[in-house]
Full PDB file with SEQRES, HELIX, SHEET, SSBOND, CRYST1, ORIGX, SCALE, CONECT and MASTER records, all heavy atoms in Angstrom:
SEQRES   1 A   35  VAL TYR GLU ARG GLU THR ASP ILE GLN ASN GLN VAL THR          
SEQRES   2 A   35  LYS ILE LYS ILE GLY SER LYS ILE LYS LEU LYS MET GLY          
SEQRES   3 A   35  ALA ILE PRO ALA LEU GLU THR SER THR                          
HELIX    1 AA1 ALA A   27  SER A   34  1                                   8    
SHEET    1 AA1 2 TYR A   2  ASP A   7  0                                        
SHEET    2 AA1 2 VAL A  12  ILE A  17 -1                                        
CRYST1    1.000    1.000    1.000  90.00  90.00  90.00 P 1           1          
ORIGX1      1.000000  0.000000  0.000000        0.00000                         
ORIGX2      0.000000  1.000000  0.000000        0.00000                         
ORIGX3      0.000000  0.000000  1.000000        0.00000                         
SCALE1      1.000000  0.000000  0.000000        0.00000                         
SCALE2      0.000000  1.000000  0.000000        0.00000                         
SCALE3      0.000000  0.000000  1.000000        0.00000                         
ATOM      1  N   VAL A   1     173.991  71.109  18.021  1.00  0.00           N  
ATOM      2  CA  VAL A   1     174.530  72.218  18.846  1.00  0.00           C  
ATOM      3  C   VAL A   1     174.060  71.953  20.328  1.00  0.00           C  
ATOM      4  O   VAL A   1     174.813  72.036  21.199  1.00  0.00           O  
ATOM      5  CB  VAL A   1     173.986  73.537  18.370  1.00  0.00           C  
ATOM      6  CG1 VAL A   1     174.365  74.704  19.376  1.00  0.00           C  
ATOM      7  CG2 VAL A   1     174.454  73.832  16.891  1.00  0.00           C  
ATOM      8  N   TYR A   2     172.795  71.591  20.532  1.00  0.00           N  
ATOM      9  CA  TYR A   2     172.281  71.187  21.753  1.00  0.00           C  
ATOM     10  C   TYR A   2     170.985  70.339  21.604  1.00  0.00           C  
ATOM     11  O   TYR A   2     170.242  70.430  20.657  1.00  0.00           O  
ATOM     12  CB  TYR A   2     172.003  72.300  22.738  1.00  0.00           C  
ATOM     13  CG  TYR A   2     170.728  73.153  22.322  1.00  0.00           C  
ATOM     14  CD1 TYR A   2     169.479  72.860  22.755  1.00  0.00           C  
ATOM     15  CD2 TYR A   2     170.874  74.373  21.621  1.00  0.00           C  
ATOM     16  CE1 TYR A   2     168.371  73.553  22.441  1.00  0.00           C  
ATOM     17  CE2 TYR A   2     169.811  75.154  21.300  1.00  0.00           C  
ATOM     18  CZ  TYR A   2     168.534  74.702  21.703  1.00  0.00           C  
ATOM     19  OH  TYR A   2     167.404  75.406  21.385  1.00  0.00           O  
ATOM     20  N   GLU A   3     170.726  69.529  22.640  1.00  0.00           N  
ATOM     21  CA  GLU A   3     169.500  68.712  22.793  1.00  0.00           C  
ATOM     22  C   GLU A   3     168.937  69.036  24.142  1.00  0.00           C  
ATOM     23  O   GLU A   3     169.619  69.219  25.001  1.00  0.00           O  
ATOM     24  CB  GLU A   3     169.729  67.292  22.594  1.00  0.00           C  
ATOM     25  CG  GLU A   3     170.026  66.796  21.244  1.00  0.00           C  
ATOM     26  CD  GLU A   3     170.183  65.317  21.101  1.00  0.00           C  
ATOM     27  OE1 GLU A   3     171.174  64.822  21.566  1.00  0.00           O  
ATOM     28  OE2 GLU A   3     169.274  64.624  20.537  1.00  0.00           O  
ATOM     29  N   ARG A   4     167.607  69.210  24.147  1.00  0.00           N  
ATOM     30  CA  ARG A   4     166.971  69.473  25.451  1.00  0.00           C  
ATOM     31  C   ARG A   4     165.742  68.586  25.680  1.00  0.00           C  
ATOM     32  O   ARG A   4     165.046  68.307  24.750  1.00  0.00           O  
ATOM     33  CB  ARG A   4     166.410  70.899  25.358  1.00  0.00           C  
ATOM     34  CG  ARG A   4     165.596  71.360  26.572  1.00  0.00           C  
ATOM     35  CD  ARG A   4     164.105  71.299  26.311  1.00  0.00           C  
ATOM     36  NE  ARG A   4     163.297  71.881  27.345  1.00  0.00           N  
ATOM     37  CZ  ARG A   4     162.979  73.223  27.513  1.00  0.00           C  
ATOM     38  NH1 ARG A   4     163.421  74.022  26.471  1.00  0.00           N  
ATOM     39  NH2 ARG A   4     162.344  73.683  28.410  1.00  0.00           N  
ATOM     40  N   GLU A   5     165.730  68.117  26.857  1.00  0.00           N  
ATOM     41  CA  GLU A   5     164.524  67.336  27.313  1.00  0.00           C  
ATOM     42  C   GLU A   5     164.112  67.886  28.591  1.00  0.00           C  
ATOM     43  O   GLU A   5     164.802  68.410  29.380  1.00  0.00           O  
ATOM     44  CB  GLU A   5     164.826  65.837  27.473  1.00  0.00           C  
ATOM     45  CG  GLU A   5     165.006  65.196  26.089  1.00  0.00           C  
ATOM     46  CD  GLU A   5     164.936  63.667  26.185  1.00  0.00           C  
ATOM     47  OE1 GLU A   5     164.787  63.104  27.304  1.00  0.00           O  
ATOM     48  OE2 GLU A   5     165.039  63.006  25.121  1.00  0.00           O  
ATOM     49  N   THR A   6     162.756  67.744  28.883  1.00  0.00           N  
ATOM     50  CA  THR A   6     162.119  68.368  30.071  1.00  0.00           C  
ATOM     51  C   THR A   6     161.655  67.200  31.088  1.00  0.00           C  
ATOM     52  O   THR A   6     160.937  66.298  30.578  1.00  0.00           O  
ATOM     53  CB  THR A   6     160.930  69.279  29.742  1.00  0.00           C  
ATOM     54  OG1 THR A   6     161.381  70.350  28.910  1.00  0.00           O  
ATOM     55  CG2 THR A   6     160.382  69.888  30.969  1.00  0.00           C  
ATOM     56  N   ASP A   7     162.095  67.280  32.230  1.00  0.00           N  
ATOM     57  CA  ASP A   7     161.624  66.397  33.321  1.00  0.00           C  
ATOM     58  C   ASP A   7     160.238  66.956  33.706  1.00  0.00           C  
ATOM     59  O   ASP A   7     160.173  67.924  34.506  1.00  0.00           O  
ATOM     60  CB  ASP A   7     162.667  66.458  34.475  1.00  0.00           C  
ATOM     61  CG  ASP A   7     162.169  65.460  35.531  1.00  0.00           C  
ATOM     62  OD1 ASP A   7     160.954  65.181  35.700  1.00  0.00           O  
ATOM     63  OD2 ASP A   7     163.028  65.169  36.473  1.00  0.00           O  
ATOM     64  N   ILE A   8     159.167  66.400  33.191  1.00  0.00           N  
ATOM     65  CA  ILE A   8     157.801  66.885  33.348  1.00  0.00           C  
ATOM     66  C   ILE A   8     157.385  66.812  34.868  1.00  0.00           C  
ATOM     67  O   ILE A   8     156.885  67.792  35.328  1.00  0.00           O  
ATOM     68  CB  ILE A   8     156.769  66.123  32.516  1.00  0.00           C  
ATOM     69  CG1 ILE A   8     157.243  66.362  31.020  1.00  0.00           C  
ATOM     70  CG2 ILE A   8     155.413  66.633  32.699  1.00  0.00           C  
ATOM     71  CD1 ILE A   8     157.194  67.715  30.539  1.00  0.00           C  
ATOM     72  N   GLN A   9     157.726  65.736  35.501  1.00  0.00           N  
ATOM     73  CA  GLN A   9     157.469  65.587  36.968  1.00  0.00           C  
ATOM     74  C   GLN A   9     157.997  66.614  37.863  1.00  0.00           C  
ATOM     75  O   GLN A   9     157.307  67.177  38.657  1.00  0.00           O  
ATOM     76  CB  GLN A   9     157.783  64.144  37.353  1.00  0.00           C  
ATOM     77  CG  GLN A   9     157.328  63.885  38.821  1.00  0.00           C  
ATOM     78  CD  GLN A   9     157.590  62.422  39.193  1.00  0.00           C  
ATOM     79  OE1 GLN A   9     158.053  61.658  38.368  1.00  0.00           O  
ATOM     80  NE2 GLN A   9     157.305  62.108  40.496  1.00  0.00           N  
ATOM     81  N   ASN A  10     159.245  66.896  37.582  1.00  0.00           N  
ATOM     82  CA  ASN A  10     159.930  67.922  38.375  1.00  0.00           C  
ATOM     83  C   ASN A  10     159.989  69.255  37.765  1.00  0.00           C  
ATOM     84  O   ASN A  10     160.538  70.281  38.449  1.00  0.00           O  
ATOM     85  CB  ASN A  10     161.313  67.474  38.765  1.00  0.00           C  
ATOM     86  CG  ASN A  10     161.348  66.165  39.523  1.00  0.00           C  
ATOM     87  OD1 ASN A  10     160.668  66.033  40.617  1.00  0.00           O  
ATOM     88  ND2 ASN A  10     162.022  65.158  39.069  1.00  0.00           N  
ATOM     89  N   GLN A  11     159.495  69.369  36.551  1.00  0.00           N  
ATOM     90  CA  GLN A  11     159.453  70.707  35.873  1.00  0.00           C  
ATOM     91  C   GLN A  11     160.847  71.350  35.766  1.00  0.00           C  
ATOM     92  O   GLN A  11     161.057  72.394  35.990  1.00  0.00           O  
ATOM     93  CB  GLN A  11     158.496  71.687  36.480  1.00  0.00           C  
ATOM     94  CG  GLN A  11     157.040  71.133  36.623  1.00  0.00           C  
ATOM     95  CD  GLN A  11     156.111  72.223  37.322  1.00  0.00           C  
ATOM     96  OE1 GLN A  11     156.514  73.297  37.572  1.00  0.00           O  
ATOM     97  NE2 GLN A  11     154.936  71.783  37.500  1.00  0.00           N  
ATOM     98  N   VAL A  12     161.788  70.487  35.202  1.00  0.00           N  
ATOM     99  CA  VAL A  12     163.154  70.958  35.194  1.00  0.00           C  
ATOM    100  C   VAL A  12     163.683  70.585  33.748  1.00  0.00           C  
ATOM    101  O   VAL A  12     163.361  69.580  33.106  1.00  0.00           O  
ATOM    102  CB  VAL A  12     164.031  70.170  36.153  1.00  0.00           C  
ATOM    103  CG1 VAL A  12     165.575  70.508  35.992  1.00  0.00           C  
ATOM    104  CG2 VAL A  12     163.573  70.564  37.643  1.00  0.00           C  
ATOM    105  N   THR A  13     164.549  71.560  33.257  1.00  0.00           N  
ATOM    106  CA  THR A  13     165.162  71.445  31.936  1.00  0.00           C  
ATOM    107  C   THR A  13     166.536  70.707  32.054  1.00  0.00           C  
ATOM    108  O   THR A  13     167.281  71.069  32.828  1.00  0.00           O  
ATOM    109  CB  THR A  13     165.331  72.847  31.284  1.00  0.00           C  
ATOM    110  OG1 THR A  13     163.993  73.441  31.132  1.00  0.00           O  
ATOM    111  CG2 THR A  13     165.950  72.745  29.932  1.00  0.00           C  
ATOM    112  N   LYS A  14     166.700  69.856  31.108  1.00  0.00           N  
ATOM    113  CA  LYS A  14     167.990  69.177  30.965  1.00  0.00           C  
ATOM    114  C   LYS A  14     168.486  69.370  29.603  1.00  0.00           C  
ATOM    115  O   LYS A  14     167.846  69.202  28.625  1.00  0.00           O  
ATOM    116  CB  LYS A  14     167.818  67.685  31.171  1.00  0.00           C  
ATOM    117  CG  LYS A  14     167.370  67.250  32.566  1.00  0.00           C  
ATOM    118  CD  LYS A  14     168.408  67.550  33.672  1.00  0.00           C  
ATOM    119  CE  LYS A  14     167.878  67.164  35.063  1.00  0.00           C  
ATOM    120  NZ  LYS A  14     168.803  67.516  36.117  1.00  0.00           N  
ATOM    121  N   ILE A  15     169.793  69.956  29.477  1.00  0.00           N  
ATOM    122  CA  ILE A  15     170.459  70.318  28.288  1.00  0.00           C  
ATOM    123  C   ILE A  15     171.699  69.551  27.997  1.00  0.00           C  
ATOM    124  O   ILE A  15     172.568  69.469  28.887  1.00  0.00           O  
ATOM    125  CB  ILE A  15     170.711  71.828  28.201  1.00  0.00           C  
ATOM    126  CG1 ILE A  15     169.423  72.684  28.424  1.00  0.00           C  
ATOM    127  CG2 ILE A  15     171.337  72.251  26.873  1.00  0.00           C  
ATOM    128  CD1 ILE A  15     169.708  74.128  28.535  1.00  0.00           C  
ATOM    129  N   LYS A  16     171.810  68.975  26.813  1.00  0.00           N  
ATOM    130  CA  LYS A  16     173.013  68.231  26.321  1.00  0.00           C  
ATOM    131  C   LYS A  16     173.615  69.017  25.236  1.00  0.00           C  
ATOM    132  O   LYS A  16     172.970  69.251  24.189  1.00  0.00           O  
ATOM    133  CB  LYS A  16     172.709  66.800  26.015  1.00  0.00           C  
ATOM    134  CG  LYS A  16     173.922  65.972  25.636  1.00  0.00           C  
ATOM    135  CD  LYS A  16     173.510  64.617  25.179  1.00  0.00           C  
ATOM    136  CE  LYS A  16     174.692  63.786  24.726  1.00  0.00           C  
ATOM    137  NZ  LYS A  16     174.215  62.390  24.303  1.00  0.00           N  
ATOM    138  N   ILE A  17     174.946  69.381  25.395  1.00  0.00           N  
ATOM    139  CA  ILE A  17     175.577  70.079  24.350  1.00  0.00           C  
ATOM    140  C   ILE A  17     176.309  69.254  23.332  1.00  0.00           C  
ATOM    141  O   ILE A  17     176.814  68.166  23.711  1.00  0.00           O  
ATOM    142  CB  ILE A  17     176.593  71.117  24.972  1.00  0.00           C  
ATOM    143  CG1 ILE A  17     175.925  72.097  25.958  1.00  0.00           C  
ATOM    144  CG2 ILE A  17     177.443  71.828  23.937  1.00  0.00           C  
ATOM    145  CD1 ILE A  17     174.895  72.918  25.351  1.00  0.00           C  
ATOM    146  N   GLY A  18     176.273  69.553  22.068  1.00  0.00           N  
ATOM    147  CA  GLY A  18     176.982  68.652  21.066  1.00  0.00           C  
ATOM    148  C   GLY A  18     178.444  68.602  21.238  1.00  0.00           C  
ATOM    149  O   GLY A  18     179.085  69.448  21.864  1.00  0.00           O  
ATOM    150  N   SER A  19     179.025  67.554  20.772  1.00  0.00           N  
ATOM    151  CA  SER A  19     180.428  67.177  21.038  1.00  0.00           C  
ATOM    152  C   SER A  19     181.388  68.247  20.512  1.00  0.00           C  
ATOM    153  O   SER A  19     182.565  68.399  20.964  1.00  0.00           O  
ATOM    154  CB  SER A  19     180.722  65.909  20.468  1.00  0.00           C  
ATOM    155  OG  SER A  19     180.475  65.779  18.969  1.00  0.00           O  
ATOM    156  N   LYS A  20     181.008  69.005  19.421  1.00  0.00           N  
ATOM    157  CA  LYS A  20     181.880  69.958  18.763  1.00  0.00           C  
ATOM    158  C   LYS A  20     181.740  71.383  19.480  1.00  0.00           C  
ATOM    159  O   LYS A  20     182.489  72.356  19.031  1.00  0.00           O  
ATOM    160  CB  LYS A  20     181.610  70.072  17.315  1.00  0.00           C  
ATOM    161  CG  LYS A  20     181.842  68.838  16.578  1.00  0.00           C  
ATOM    162  CD  LYS A  20     181.711  69.014  15.092  1.00  0.00           C  
ATOM    163  CE  LYS A  20     182.005  67.660  14.368  1.00  0.00           C  
ATOM    164  NZ  LYS A  20     181.823  67.819  12.910  1.00  0.00           N  
ATOM    165  N   ILE A  21     180.877  71.458  20.487  1.00  0.00           N  
ATOM    166  CA  ILE A  21     180.651  72.833  21.031  1.00  0.00           C  
ATOM    167  C   ILE A  21     181.506  72.955  22.233  1.00  0.00           C  
ATOM    168  O   ILE A  21     181.465  72.140  23.204  1.00  0.00           O  
ATOM    169  CB  ILE A  21     179.248  73.025  21.437  1.00  0.00           C  
ATOM    170  CG1 ILE A  21     178.327  72.764  20.243  1.00  0.00           C  
ATOM    171  CG2 ILE A  21     178.943  74.369  22.096  1.00  0.00           C  
ATOM    172  CD1 ILE A  21     178.539  73.814  19.151  1.00  0.00           C  
ATOM    173  N   LYS A  22     182.236  74.074  22.404  1.00  0.00           N  
ATOM    174  CA  LYS A  22     183.118  74.260  23.479  1.00  0.00           C  
ATOM    175  C   LYS A  22     182.644  75.503  24.317  1.00  0.00           C  
ATOM    176  O   LYS A  22     182.475  76.550  23.771  1.00  0.00           O  
ATOM    177  CB  LYS A  22     184.601  74.592  22.982  1.00  0.00           C  
ATOM    178  CG  LYS A  22     185.136  73.462  22.173  1.00  0.00           C  
ATOM    179  CD  LYS A  22     185.194  72.138  22.827  1.00  0.00           C  
ATOM    180  CE  LYS A  22     185.704  71.001  21.924  1.00  0.00           C  
ATOM    181  NZ  LYS A  22     185.689  69.780  22.510  1.00  0.00           N  
ATOM    182  N   LEU A  23     182.336  75.253  25.598  1.00  0.00           N  
ATOM    183  CA  LEU A  23     181.897  76.417  26.429  1.00  0.00           C  
ATOM    184  C   LEU A  23     182.678  76.487  27.666  1.00  0.00           C  
ATOM    185  O   LEU A  23     183.338  75.584  28.116  1.00  0.00           O  
ATOM    186  CB  LEU A  23     180.431  75.985  26.860  1.00  0.00           C  
ATOM    187  CG  LEU A  23     179.360  75.951  25.754  1.00  0.00           C  
ATOM    188  CD1 LEU A  23     177.972  75.628  26.278  1.00  0.00           C  
ATOM    189  CD2 LEU A  23     179.190  77.405  24.988  1.00  0.00           C  
ATOM    190  N   LYS A  24     182.588  77.644  28.321  1.00  0.00           N  
ATOM    191  CA  LYS A  24     183.269  77.938  29.536  1.00  0.00           C  
ATOM    192  C   LYS A  24     182.591  77.093  30.664  1.00  0.00           C  
ATOM    193  O   LYS A  24     181.443  76.721  30.652  1.00  0.00           O  
ATOM    194  CB  LYS A  24     183.263  79.355  29.967  1.00  0.00           C  
ATOM    195  CG  LYS A  24     184.085  80.218  28.903  1.00  0.00           C  
ATOM    196  CD  LYS A  24     184.141  81.662  29.356  1.00  0.00           C  
ATOM    197  CE  LYS A  24     184.978  82.576  28.437  1.00  0.00           C  
ATOM    198  NZ  LYS A  24     185.035  84.011  28.935  1.00  0.00           N  
ATOM    199  N   MET A  25     183.452  76.867  31.692  1.00  0.00           N  
ATOM    200  CA  MET A  25     182.928  76.104  32.857  1.00  0.00           C  
ATOM    201  C   MET A  25     181.737  76.861  33.516  1.00  0.00           C  
ATOM    202  O   MET A  25     181.752  78.059  33.658  1.00  0.00           O  
ATOM    203  CB  MET A  25     184.079  76.057  33.940  1.00  0.00           C  
ATOM    204  CG  MET A  25     183.716  75.121  35.180  1.00  0.00           C  
ATOM    205  SD  MET A  25     183.698  73.378  34.805  1.00  0.00           S  
ATOM    206  CE  MET A  25     185.431  73.064  34.461  1.00  0.00           C  
ATOM    207  N   GLY A  26     180.746  76.076  33.737  1.00  0.00           N  
ATOM    208  CA  GLY A  26     179.448  76.667  34.424  1.00  0.00           C  
ATOM    209  C   GLY A  26     178.466  77.176  33.514  1.00  0.00           C  
ATOM    210  O   GLY A  26     177.378  77.584  33.911  1.00  0.00           O  
ATOM    211  N   ALA A  27     178.714  77.194  32.129  1.00  0.00           N  
ATOM    212  CA  ALA A  27     177.780  77.751  31.198  1.00  0.00           C  
ATOM    213  C   ALA A  27     176.524  76.913  31.144  1.00  0.00           C  
ATOM    214  O   ALA A  27     175.417  77.445  31.035  1.00  0.00           O  
ATOM    215  CB  ALA A  27     178.406  77.796  29.862  1.00  0.00           C  
ATOM    216  N   ILE A  28     176.730  75.560  31.074  1.00  0.00           N  
ATOM    217  CA  ILE A  28     175.537  74.648  30.948  1.00  0.00           C  
ATOM    218  C   ILE A  28     174.563  74.754  32.200  1.00  0.00           C  
ATOM    219  O   ILE A  28     173.459  74.957  31.966  1.00  0.00           O  
ATOM    220  CB  ILE A  28     175.889  73.253  30.648  1.00  0.00           C  
ATOM    221  CG1 ILE A  28     176.698  73.157  29.303  1.00  0.00           C  
ATOM    222  CG2 ILE A  28     174.664  72.332  30.660  1.00  0.00           C  
ATOM    223  CD1 ILE A  28     177.265  71.745  29.004  1.00  0.00           C  
ATOM    224  N   PRO A  29     175.077  74.736  33.443  1.00  0.00           N  
ATOM    225  CA  PRO A  29     174.217  74.860  34.541  1.00  0.00           C  
ATOM    226  C   PRO A  29     173.516  76.264  34.542  1.00  0.00           C  
ATOM    227  O   PRO A  29     172.383  76.277  34.946  1.00  0.00           O  
ATOM    228  CB  PRO A  29     175.130  74.707  35.769  1.00  0.00           C  
ATOM    229  CG  PRO A  29     176.294  73.793  35.229  1.00  0.00           C  
ATOM    230  CD  PRO A  29     176.474  74.281  33.842  1.00  0.00           C  
ATOM    231  N   ALA A  30     174.212  77.266  34.218  1.00  0.00           N  
ATOM    232  CA  ALA A  30     173.573  78.588  34.142  1.00  0.00           C  
ATOM    233  C   ALA A  30     172.452  78.572  33.101  1.00  0.00           C  
ATOM    234  O   ALA A  30     171.443  79.174  33.356  1.00  0.00           O  
ATOM    235  CB  ALA A  30     174.682  79.742  33.827  1.00  0.00           C  
ATOM    236  N   LEU A  31     172.704  77.998  31.972  1.00  0.00           N  
ATOM    237  CA  LEU A  31     171.698  77.949  30.946  1.00  0.00           C  
ATOM    238  C   LEU A  31     170.524  77.127  31.360  1.00  0.00           C  
ATOM    239  O   LEU A  31     169.330  77.556  31.050  1.00  0.00           O  
ATOM    240  CB  LEU A  31     172.267  77.404  29.611  1.00  0.00           C  
ATOM    241  CG  LEU A  31     171.371  77.477  28.369  1.00  0.00           C  
ATOM    242  CD1 LEU A  31     171.013  78.809  28.065  1.00  0.00           C  
ATOM    243  CD2 LEU A  31     172.192  76.816  27.211  1.00  0.00           C  
ATOM    244  N   GLU A  32     170.759  76.081  31.994  1.00  0.00           N  
ATOM    245  CA  GLU A  32     169.596  75.162  32.479  1.00  0.00           C  
ATOM    246  C   GLU A  32     168.794  75.909  33.519  1.00  0.00           C  
ATOM    247  O   GLU A  32     167.518  75.812  33.565  1.00  0.00           O  
ATOM    248  CB  GLU A  32     170.221  73.873  33.140  1.00  0.00           C  
ATOM    249  CG  GLU A  32     170.647  72.909  32.045  1.00  0.00           C  
ATOM    250  CD  GLU A  32     171.146  71.699  32.702  1.00  0.00           C  
ATOM    251  OE1 GLU A  32     171.651  71.609  33.815  1.00  0.00           O  
ATOM    252  OE2 GLU A  32     171.089  70.599  31.954  1.00  0.00           O  
ATOM    253  N   THR A  33     169.393  76.674  34.410  1.00  0.00           N  
ATOM    254  CA  THR A  33     168.847  77.459  35.430  1.00  0.00           C  
ATOM    255  C   THR A  33     167.914  78.455  34.892  1.00  0.00           C  
ATOM    256  O   THR A  33     166.766  78.715  35.323  1.00  0.00           O  
ATOM    257  CB  THR A  33     169.751  78.077  36.441  1.00  0.00           C  
ATOM    258  OG1 THR A  33     170.549  77.099  36.976  1.00  0.00           O  
ATOM    259  CG2 THR A  33     169.073  78.941  37.501  1.00  0.00           C  
ATOM    260  N   SER A  34     168.319  79.138  33.775  1.00  0.00           N  
ATOM    261  CA  SER A  34     167.568  80.258  33.162  1.00  0.00           C  
ATOM    262  C   SER A  34     166.418  79.780  32.296  1.00  0.00           C  
ATOM    263  O   SER A  34     165.519  80.426  31.903  1.00  0.00           O  
ATOM    264  CB  SER A  34     168.470  81.169  32.406  1.00  0.00           C  
ATOM    265  OG  SER A  34     169.338  81.806  33.231  1.00  0.00           O  
ATOM    266  N   THR A  35     166.545  78.424  31.858  1.00  0.00           N  
ATOM    267  CA  THR A  35     165.579  77.847  30.910  1.00  0.00           C  
ATOM    268  C   THR A  35     164.487  77.206  31.683  1.00  0.00           C  
ATOM    269  O   THR A  35     164.578  76.073  32.051  1.00  0.00           O  
ATOM    270  CB  THR A  35     166.283  76.935  29.972  1.00  0.00           C  
ATOM    271  OG1 THR A  35     167.352  77.571  29.263  1.00  0.00           O  
ATOM    272  CG2 THR A  35     165.235  76.436  28.849  1.00  0.00           C  
TER     273      THR A  35                                                      
MASTER        0    0    0    1    2    0    0    6  272    1    0    3          
END                                                                             
């Protein structure tokens, strides 16, 4: 469904969505910003 890794140096979350998941435009950046 998703994989997440954290950039420890910059304290930033990176999220990769699974190939079968369909989301609206802008959903992933919004989710990364809130996480």
